[in-house]
Amino acid sequence: MAALAGCAGTPPRTVAPEVVRVPVTRYVPIPGALTAPCPIAGPKDMTVGEAVRIARERRRALEACNAQLRQIRAMQGSPADEGLHP
């Protein structure tokens, strides 16, 4: 019992806790409208006029998809807490 008596009078050494800051990546939410599939026009009949109509509609769809991609690229790299919602 004599061996245990020597430790009883020494209080344990305590170390004050430190604040540790951990960076957290927050992603900007992409609105569902920007990730929706773009429509693909199909032929109604097999005429030259229909081919021209399809080409025009597909061009419009491609331009709309490219505009969506530009909007997504503009959001990427922005802090998530910025007001990016339209």
C-alpha atoms as a PDB file:
ATOM      1  CA  MET A   1       0.000   0.000   0.000  1.00  0.00           C
ATOM      2  CA  ALA A   2       2.934   2.295   0.447  1.00  0.00           C
ATOM      3  CA  ALA A   3       3.534   2.391  -3.324  1.00  0.00           C
ATOM      4  CA  LEU A   4       0.073   3.799  -4.012  1.00  0.00           C
ATOM      5  CA  ALA A   5       0.248   6.451  -1.325  1.00  0.00           C
ATOM      6  CA  GLY A   6       2.907   8.461  -3.216  1.00  0.00           C
ATOM      7  CA  CYS A   7       0.620   9.313  -6.142  1.00  0.00           C
ATOM      8  CA  ALA A   8      -2.364  10.417  -4.104  1.00  0.00           C
ATOM      9  CA  GLY A   9      -1.031  13.910  -3.354  1.00  0.00           C
ATOM     10  CA  THR A  10      -0.096  14.888  -6.954  1.00  0.00           C
ATOM     11  CA  PRO A  11      -3.023  16.309  -8.953  1.00  0.00           C
ATOM     12  CA  PRO A  12      -3.174  15.209 -12.612  1.00  0.00           C
ATOM     13  CA  ARG A  13      -1.788  17.727 -15.117  1.00  0.00           C
ATOM     14  CA  THR A  14      -4.565  19.105 -17.294  1.00  0.00           C
ATOM     15  CA  VAL A  15      -4.063  20.777 -20.634  1.00  0.00           C
ATOM     16  CA  ALA A  16      -6.511  23.421 -21.791  1.00  0.00           C
ATOM     17  CA  PRO A  17      -8.260  22.454 -25.036  1.00  0.00           C
ATOM     18  CA  GLU A  18      -7.439  24.426 -28.175  1.00  0.00           C
ATOM     19  CA  VAL A  19      -9.876  25.466 -30.862  1.00  0.00           C
ATOM     20  CA  VAL A  20      -9.069  23.722 -34.116  1.00  0.00           C
ATOM     21  CA  ARG A  21     -10.575  25.213 -37.263  1.00  0.00           C
ATOM     22  CA  VAL A  22     -11.334  22.657 -39.954  1.00  0.00           C
ATOM     23  CA  PRO A  23     -12.179  23.928 -43.437  1.00  0.00           C
ATOM     24  CA  VAL A  24     -15.446  22.516 -44.735  1.00  0.00           C
ATOM     25  CA  THR A  25     -16.194  22.388 -48.443  1.00  0.00           C
ATOM     26  CA  ARG A  26     -19.708  23.527 -49.211  1.00  0.00           C
ATOM     27  CA  TYR A  27     -20.964  22.997 -52.719  1.00  0.00           C
ATOM     28  CA  VAL A  28     -23.225  25.407 -54.529  1.00  0.00           C
ATOM     29  CA  PRO A  29     -26.572  23.720 -55.169  1.00  0.00           C
ATOM     30  CA  ILE A  30     -27.365  23.559 -58.878  1.00  0.00           C
ATOM     31  CA  PRO A  31     -31.056  24.212 -59.621  1.00  0.00           C
ATOM     32  CA  GLY A  32     -32.868  21.275 -61.174  1.00  0.00           C
ATOM     33  CA  ALA A  33     -33.858  23.358 -64.200  1.00  0.00           C
ATOM     34  CA  LEU A  34     -30.181  23.597 -65.180  1.00  0.00           C
ATOM     35  CA  THR A  35     -29.652  19.845 -65.058  1.00  0.00           C
ATOM     36  CA  ALA A  36     -32.833  18.860 -66.895  1.00  0.00           C
ATOM     37  CA  PRO A  37     -32.310  16.975 -70.149  1.00  0.00           C
ATOM     38  CA  CYS A  38     -32.608  18.998 -73.336  1.00  0.00           C
ATOM     39  CA  PRO A  39     -35.305  17.892 -75.778  1.00  0.00           C
ATOM     40  CA  ILE A  40     -34.311  16.172 -79.017  1.00  0.00           C
ATOM     41  CA  ALA A  41     -36.604  16.862 -81.938  1.00  0.00           C
ATOM     42  CA  GLY A  42     -37.636  13.905 -84.035  1.00  0.00           C
ATOM     43  CA  PRO A  43     -39.176  13.747 -87.503  1.00  0.00           C
ATOM     44  CA  LYS A  44     -42.926  13.705 -88.023  1.00  0.00           C
ATOM     45  CA  ASP A  45     -42.542  12.675 -91.636  1.00  0.00           C
ATOM     46  CA  MET A  46     -39.711  12.114 -94.089  1.00  0.00           C
ATOM     47  CA  THR A  47     -39.705  15.355 -96.108  1.00  0.00           C
ATOM     48  CA  VAL A  48     -37.038  17.937 -96.805  1.00  0.00           C
ATOM     49  CA  GLY A  49     -39.128  20.555 -95.030  1.00  0.00           C
ATOM     50  CA  GLU A  50     -39.257  18.329 -91.952  1.00  0.00           C
ATOM     51  CA  ALA A  51     -35.468  17.933 -92.035  1.00  0.00           C
ATOM     52  CA  VAL A  52     -35.128  21.726 -91.985  1.00  0.00           C
ATOM     53  CA  ARG A  53     -37.572  21.998 -89.070  1.00  0.00           C
ATOM     54  CA  ILE A  54     -35.701  19.346 -87.102  1.00  0.00           C
ATOM     55  CA  ALA A  55     -32.365  21.065 -87.762  1.00  0.00           C
ATOM     56  CA  ARG A  56     -33.763  24.374 -86.450  1.00  0.00           C
ATOM     57  CA  GLU A  57     -35.277  22.765 -83.338  1.00  0.00           C
ATOM     58  CA  ARG A  58     -32.102  20.853 -82.570  1.00  0.00           C
ATOM     59  CA  ARG A  59     -30.087  24.049 -82.968  1.00  0.00           C
ATOM     60  CA  ARG A  60     -32.394  25.823 -80.460  1.00  0.00           C
ATOM     61  CA  ALA A  61     -32.090  22.894 -78.040  1.00  0.00           C
ATOM     62  CA  LEU A  62     -28.290  22.906 -78.352  1.00  0.00           C
ATOM     63  CA  GLU A  63     -28.152  26.662 -77.719  1.00  0.00           C
ATOM     64  CA  ALA A  64     -30.412  26.240 -74.654  1.00  0.00           C
ATOM     65  CA  CYS A  65     -28.187  23.448 -73.293  1.00  0.00           C
ATOM     66  CA  ASN A  66     -25.077  25.559 -73.840  1.00  0.00           C
ATOM     67  CA  ALA A  67     -26.736  28.420 -71.946  1.00  0.00           C
ATOM     68  CA  GLN A  68     -27.483  26.033 -69.051  1.00  0.00           C
ATOM     69  CA  LEU A  69     -23.840  24.907 -69.009  1.00  0.00           C
ATOM     70  CA  ARG A  70     -22.670  28.551 -68.922  1.00  0.00           C
ATOM     71  CA  GLN A  71     -24.919  29.174 -65.904  1.00  0.00           C
ATOM     72  CA  ILE A  72     -23.563  26.082 -64.131  1.00  0.00           C
ATOM     73  CA  ARG A  73     -19.965  27.122 -64.836  1.00  0.00           C
ATOM     74  CA  ALA A  74     -20.722  30.601 -63.447  1.00  0.00           C
ATOM     75  CA  MET A  75     -21.950  29.020 -60.190  1.00  0.00           C
ATOM     76  CA  GLN A  76     -19.010  26.666 -59.756  1.00  0.00           C
ATOM     77  CA  GLY A  77     -16.268  28.035 -57.553  1.00  0.00           C
ATOM     78  CA  SER A  78     -18.638  30.427 -55.795  1.00  0.00           C
ATOM     79  CA  PRO A  79     -19.202  30.262 -52.061  1.00  0.00           C
ATOM     80  CA  ALA A  80     -22.330  28.250 -51.304  1.00  0.00           C
ATOM     81  CA  ASP A  81     -23.790  30.936 -49.059  1.00  0.00           C
ATOM     82  CA  GLU A  82     -23.906  33.601 -51.802  1.00  0.00           C
ATOM     83  CA  GLY A  83     -27.382  34.352 -53.073  1.00  0.00           C
ATOM     84  CA  LEU A  84     -27.081  32.675 -56.456  1.00  0.00           C
ATOM     85  CA  HIS A  85     -30.673  31.659 -56.775  1.00  0.00           C
ATOM     86  CA  PRO A  86     -32.671  33.606 -59.353  1.00  0.00           C
END
